[in-house]
N, C-alpha and C. Protein backbone atom coordinates (compact mmCIF):
# COMPACT_ATOMS: atom_id res chain seq x y z
N UNK A 1 193.98 -82.65 143.36
CA UNK A 1 194.51 -82.03 142.19
C UNK A 1 194.37 -83.05 140.99
N UNK A 2 193.74 -82.59 139.86
CA UNK A 2 193.51 -83.44 138.65
C UNK A 2 194.87 -83.86 138.02
N UNK A 3 194.85 -85.00 137.45
CA UNK A 3 196.17 -85.38 136.74
C UNK A 3 196.32 -84.44 135.48
N UNK A 4 197.61 -84.16 135.29
CA UNK A 4 198.00 -83.36 134.19
C UNK A 4 197.72 -83.91 132.81
N UNK A 5 197.17 -83.26 131.87
CA UNK A 5 196.96 -83.86 130.54
C UNK A 5 198.11 -83.85 129.70
N UNK A 6 198.41 -84.81 129.03
CA UNK A 6 199.59 -84.67 127.99
C UNK A 6 199.23 -83.75 126.76
N UNK A 7 200.31 -83.05 126.47
CA UNK A 7 200.10 -82.25 125.37
C UNK A 7 200.05 -83.04 123.98
N UNK A 8 199.08 -82.49 123.09
CA UNK A 8 199.02 -83.03 121.89
C UNK A 8 200.16 -82.83 120.94
N UNK A 9 200.95 -81.86 121.33
CA UNK A 9 202.09 -81.56 120.39
C UNK A 9 203.13 -82.55 120.63
N UNK A 10 203.91 -82.81 119.57
CA UNK A 10 204.98 -83.75 119.57
C UNK A 10 206.22 -83.02 119.85
N UNK A 11 207.15 -83.55 120.43
CA UNK A 11 208.44 -82.97 120.71
C UNK A 11 209.15 -83.02 119.31
N UNK A 12 210.25 -82.07 119.20
CA UNK A 12 211.15 -82.18 117.95
C UNK A 12 211.74 -83.54 117.80
N UNK A 13 212.20 -84.18 118.84
CA UNK A 13 212.76 -85.49 118.83
C UNK A 13 211.94 -86.48 118.18
N UNK A 14 210.60 -86.41 118.52
CA UNK A 14 209.63 -87.39 117.97
C UNK A 14 209.42 -87.20 116.48
N UNK A 15 209.23 -85.81 116.16
CA UNK A 15 208.98 -85.43 114.73
C UNK A 15 210.00 -85.86 113.83
N UNK A 16 211.45 -85.56 114.28
CA UNK A 16 212.40 -86.01 113.37
C UNK A 16 212.68 -87.43 113.30
N UNK A 17 212.45 -88.21 114.31
CA UNK A 17 212.64 -89.57 114.26
C UNK A 17 211.68 -90.25 113.34
N UNK A 18 210.37 -89.78 113.29
CA UNK A 18 209.36 -90.21 112.25
C UNK A 18 209.59 -89.89 110.87
N UNK A 19 210.12 -88.57 110.73
CA UNK A 19 210.10 -87.94 109.28
C UNK A 19 211.36 -88.67 108.61
N UNK A 20 212.37 -89.18 109.26
CA UNK A 20 213.54 -89.79 108.55
C UNK A 20 213.15 -91.12 108.18
N UNK A 21 213.69 -91.53 107.06
CA UNK A 21 213.29 -92.83 106.63
C UNK A 21 214.79 -93.36 106.17
N UNK A 22 214.82 -94.73 106.06
CA UNK A 22 216.13 -95.37 105.56
C UNK A 22 216.53 -94.85 104.22
N UNK A 23 217.82 -94.74 103.94
CA UNK A 23 218.11 -94.21 102.65
C UNK A 23 217.66 -95.27 101.59
N UNK A 24 217.34 -94.83 100.32
CA UNK A 24 216.91 -95.65 99.32
C UNK A 24 217.96 -96.58 98.96
N UNK A 25 217.49 -97.84 98.53
CA UNK A 25 218.47 -98.93 98.16
C UNK A 25 219.00 -98.78 96.69
N UNK A 26 218.63 -97.55 96.01
CA UNK A 26 219.11 -97.40 94.64
C UNK A 26 219.42 -95.98 94.51
N UNK A 27 220.07 -95.61 93.46
CA UNK A 27 220.51 -94.21 93.08
C UNK A 27 219.28 -93.46 92.63
N UNK A 28 218.67 -92.81 93.48
CA UNK A 28 217.35 -92.14 93.10
C UNK A 28 217.63 -90.97 92.23
N UNK A 29 218.86 -90.39 92.12
CA UNK A 29 219.19 -89.48 91.09
C UNK A 29 219.30 -89.92 89.69
N UNK A 30 219.50 -91.17 89.62
CA UNK A 30 219.57 -91.80 88.25
C UNK A 30 218.47 -92.63 87.82
N UNK A 31 217.82 -93.31 88.90
CA UNK A 31 216.89 -94.33 88.42
C UNK A 31 215.49 -94.00 89.21
N UNK A 32 214.41 -94.44 88.59
CA UNK A 32 213.07 -94.36 89.27
C UNK A 32 212.76 -95.18 90.33
N UNK A 33 213.42 -96.47 90.32
CA UNK A 33 213.33 -97.44 91.33
C UNK A 33 214.44 -98.41 91.32
N UNK A 34 214.51 -99.32 92.27
CA UNK A 34 215.50 -100.31 92.42
C UNK A 34 215.27 -101.20 91.24
N UNK A 35 214.15 -101.60 90.74
CA UNK A 35 213.92 -102.51 89.68
C UNK A 35 214.54 -101.71 88.42
N UNK A 36 214.47 -100.42 88.16
CA UNK A 36 215.02 -99.86 87.04
C UNK A 36 216.55 -99.84 87.16
N UNK A 37 217.12 -99.81 88.27
CA UNK A 37 218.58 -99.85 88.51
C UNK A 37 218.93 -101.24 88.16
N UNK A 38 218.37 -102.26 88.66
CA UNK A 38 218.66 -103.54 88.21
C UNK A 38 218.52 -103.88 86.75
N UNK A 39 217.66 -103.21 86.14
CA UNK A 39 217.48 -103.33 84.64
C UNK A 39 218.61 -102.70 83.91
N UNK A 40 219.04 -101.57 84.60
CA UNK A 40 220.37 -101.00 84.05
C UNK A 40 221.48 -101.92 83.95
N UNK A 41 221.69 -102.54 85.20
CA UNK A 41 222.83 -103.55 85.30
C UNK A 41 222.68 -104.71 84.27
N UNK A 42 221.35 -105.01 83.99
CA UNK A 42 221.16 -106.16 83.02
C UNK A 42 221.69 -105.75 81.61
N UNK A 43 221.30 -104.59 81.39
CA UNK A 43 221.53 -104.05 79.86
C UNK A 43 222.92 -103.38 79.57
N UNK A 44 223.68 -103.32 80.71
CA UNK A 44 224.89 -102.55 80.63
C UNK A 44 225.81 -103.03 79.62
N UNK A 45 225.70 -104.19 79.09
CA UNK A 45 226.57 -104.78 78.07
C UNK A 45 226.14 -104.48 76.72
N UNK A 46 225.07 -103.70 76.54
CA UNK A 46 224.52 -103.43 75.21
C UNK A 46 225.61 -102.54 74.40
N UNK A 47 225.59 -102.79 73.23
CA UNK A 47 226.39 -101.97 72.27
C UNK A 47 225.58 -101.09 71.33
N UNK A 48 225.99 -100.04 70.84
CA UNK A 48 225.28 -99.06 70.09
C UNK A 48 225.98 -99.14 68.62
N UNK A 49 225.06 -99.00 67.67
CA UNK A 49 225.56 -98.70 66.42
C UNK A 49 225.27 -97.27 66.24
N UNK A 50 226.33 -96.59 65.57
CA UNK A 50 226.19 -95.15 65.34
C UNK A 50 225.31 -94.97 64.11
N UNK A 51 224.45 -93.93 64.16
CA UNK A 51 223.57 -93.52 63.11
C UNK A 51 224.47 -93.04 62.01
N UNK A 52 223.81 -93.32 60.78
CA UNK A 52 224.59 -92.83 59.51
C UNK A 52 223.86 -91.71 59.09
N UNK A 53 224.65 -90.78 58.49
CA UNK A 53 224.07 -89.67 57.88
C UNK A 53 223.84 -89.92 56.44
N UNK A 54 222.48 -89.56 56.12
CA UNK A 54 222.06 -89.80 54.74
C UNK A 54 222.15 -88.46 54.07
N UNK A 55 223.04 -88.32 53.01
CA UNK A 55 223.29 -87.02 52.33
C UNK A 55 222.48 -87.10 51.15
N UNK A 56 221.46 -86.34 50.88
CA UNK A 56 220.73 -86.38 49.72
C UNK A 56 221.20 -85.17 48.85
N UNK A 57 221.14 -85.44 47.49
CA UNK A 57 221.61 -84.39 46.63
C UNK A 57 220.39 -83.39 46.55
N UNK A 58 220.76 -82.24 46.11
CA UNK A 58 219.76 -81.18 45.94
C UNK A 58 218.60 -81.58 45.00
N UNK A 59 218.86 -82.39 44.06
CA UNK A 59 217.80 -82.72 43.09
C UNK A 59 216.95 -84.12 43.47
N UNK A 60 217.41 -84.63 44.71
CA UNK A 60 216.80 -85.86 45.11
C UNK A 60 215.64 -85.49 46.15
N UNK A 61 214.39 -86.10 45.99
CA UNK A 61 213.34 -86.02 47.04
C UNK A 61 213.18 -84.61 47.51
N UNK A 62 213.00 -83.61 46.56
CA UNK A 62 212.88 -82.29 46.90
C UNK A 62 211.73 -82.09 47.89
N UNK A 63 210.54 -82.72 47.67
CA UNK A 63 209.39 -82.52 48.59
C UNK A 63 209.72 -82.95 49.97
N UNK A 64 210.43 -83.99 50.17
CA UNK A 64 210.85 -84.46 51.47
C UNK A 64 211.75 -83.45 52.06
N UNK A 65 212.80 -83.09 51.41
CA UNK A 65 213.75 -81.89 51.87
C UNK A 65 213.07 -80.68 52.16
N UNK A 66 212.07 -80.22 51.43
CA UNK A 66 211.41 -79.03 51.64
C UNK A 66 210.59 -79.28 52.98
N UNK A 67 209.99 -80.38 53.23
CA UNK A 67 209.11 -80.58 54.38
C UNK A 67 210.16 -80.52 55.65
N UNK A 68 211.17 -81.10 55.62
CA UNK A 68 212.11 -81.05 56.65
C UNK A 68 212.46 -79.65 56.94
N UNK A 69 212.83 -78.87 56.07
CA UNK A 69 213.06 -77.40 56.24
C UNK A 69 211.99 -76.68 56.80
N UNK A 70 210.75 -76.87 56.32
CA UNK A 70 209.64 -76.11 56.62
C UNK A 70 209.20 -76.53 58.14
N UNK A 71 209.39 -77.59 58.54
CA UNK A 71 209.19 -78.07 59.88
C UNK A 71 210.32 -77.72 60.96
N UNK A 72 211.41 -77.33 60.32
CA UNK A 72 212.66 -77.07 61.09
C UNK A 72 213.10 -78.27 61.87
N UNK A 73 213.21 -79.45 61.17
CA UNK A 73 213.70 -80.62 61.73
C UNK A 73 214.94 -81.01 61.19
N UNK A 74 215.69 -79.98 60.79
CA UNK A 74 217.23 -80.23 60.45
C UNK A 74 217.92 -80.75 61.49
N UNK A 75 217.91 -80.32 62.63
CA UNK A 75 218.64 -80.97 63.76
C UNK A 75 218.16 -82.30 64.10
N UNK A 76 216.91 -82.61 63.78
CA UNK A 76 216.39 -83.94 64.19
C UNK A 76 217.00 -85.02 63.20
N UNK A 77 217.20 -84.61 62.05
CA UNK A 77 217.70 -85.65 60.92
C UNK A 77 219.31 -85.60 60.86
N UNK A 78 219.85 -84.84 61.74
CA UNK A 78 221.35 -84.82 61.71
C UNK A 78 221.82 -85.59 62.96
N UNK A 79 222.50 -86.65 62.76
CA UNK A 79 222.96 -87.57 63.86
C UNK A 79 223.94 -86.58 64.70
N UNK A 80 223.92 -86.89 66.06
CA UNK A 80 224.80 -86.25 66.88
C UNK A 80 226.16 -86.73 66.64
N UNK A 81 227.18 -85.96 66.81
CA UNK A 81 228.57 -86.37 66.61
C UNK A 81 229.12 -87.38 67.56
N UNK A 82 228.60 -87.22 68.90
CA UNK A 82 229.03 -88.21 69.95
C UNK A 82 227.96 -88.18 70.98
N UNK A 83 227.93 -89.25 71.76
CA UNK A 83 226.91 -89.42 72.81
C UNK A 83 227.41 -90.20 73.87
N UNK A 84 226.93 -90.09 75.10
CA UNK A 84 227.28 -90.74 76.38
C UNK A 84 226.39 -92.14 76.40
N UNK A 85 227.12 -93.31 76.20
CA UNK A 85 226.23 -94.42 76.30
C UNK A 85 225.65 -94.71 77.70
N UNK A 86 226.28 -94.25 78.80
CA UNK A 86 225.63 -94.60 80.04
C UNK A 86 224.24 -93.69 80.11
N UNK A 87 224.21 -92.53 79.65
CA UNK A 87 222.92 -91.76 79.62
C UNK A 87 221.91 -92.45 78.84
N UNK A 88 222.19 -92.98 77.71
CA UNK A 88 221.30 -93.71 76.82
C UNK A 88 220.79 -94.97 77.41
N UNK A 89 221.69 -95.65 78.19
CA UNK A 89 221.39 -96.88 78.98
C UNK A 89 220.38 -96.37 80.22
N UNK A 90 220.69 -95.45 80.79
CA UNK A 90 219.77 -95.00 81.89
C UNK A 90 218.46 -94.71 81.30
N UNK A 91 218.31 -93.99 80.13
CA UNK A 91 216.94 -93.73 79.64
C UNK A 91 216.34 -95.06 79.34
N UNK A 92 216.89 -95.98 78.73
CA UNK A 92 216.19 -97.22 78.45
C UNK A 92 215.95 -98.02 79.73
N UNK A 93 216.76 -97.89 80.73
CA UNK A 93 216.46 -98.64 82.00
C UNK A 93 215.29 -98.07 82.67
N UNK A 94 215.19 -96.58 82.67
CA UNK A 94 214.14 -96.05 83.43
C UNK A 94 212.75 -96.10 82.50
N UNK A 95 212.80 -96.37 81.19
CA UNK A 95 211.61 -96.41 80.30
C UNK A 95 210.98 -97.68 80.49
N UNK A 96 211.69 -98.72 80.78
CA UNK A 96 210.96 -100.01 80.87
C UNK A 96 209.81 -100.20 81.89
N UNK A 97 208.80 -100.93 81.81
CA UNK A 97 207.72 -101.01 82.83
C UNK A 97 208.16 -101.93 83.80
N UNK A 98 207.77 -101.56 85.07
CA UNK A 98 208.09 -102.45 86.21
C UNK A 98 207.18 -103.38 86.51
N UNK A 99 205.86 -103.10 86.08
CA UNK A 99 204.68 -104.01 86.46
C UNK A 99 204.10 -104.52 85.17
N UNK A 100 203.55 -105.63 85.14
CA UNK A 100 202.66 -106.08 84.10
C UNK A 100 201.59 -105.30 83.73
N UNK A 101 201.56 -104.73 82.49
CA UNK A 101 200.42 -104.09 82.04
C UNK A 101 200.45 -102.56 82.32
N UNK A 102 201.41 -102.07 83.07
CA UNK A 102 201.65 -100.76 83.44
C UNK A 102 202.67 -100.16 82.44
N UNK A 103 202.09 -99.19 81.64
CA UNK A 103 202.93 -98.65 80.52
C UNK A 103 203.41 -97.08 81.01
N UNK A 104 204.14 -96.86 81.93
CA UNK A 104 204.51 -95.48 82.47
C UNK A 104 205.84 -95.32 81.68
N UNK A 105 205.90 -94.38 80.64
CA UNK A 105 207.14 -94.29 79.83
C UNK A 105 207.87 -93.05 80.38
N UNK A 106 207.69 -92.66 81.51
CA UNK A 106 208.57 -91.46 82.00
C UNK A 106 209.99 -91.93 82.21
N UNK A 107 210.87 -91.10 82.04
CA UNK A 107 212.38 -91.50 82.15
C UNK A 107 213.08 -90.24 82.60
């Protein structure tokens, strides 16, 4: 009797053991990599200056005001009343390049 050939199929146990990996060393829901999370910790002490609203009179810079209205930029030129500093810091931490010369600005 010839020796039995081993099946090419893997058992479930083998497949699950190979497919699982160690949990990431960083908060993958908030940061793109461990370096980005470290950068967040480094910039955590940053403070922010609130934007100031510039109120133009109706007779001032009429062309400029018309262009803002034409492009529907009114919400862009109006500062937000409040913001979450942690979200802003996450944005800046994730936007920084991790390698020299690589400018991937996703955040």
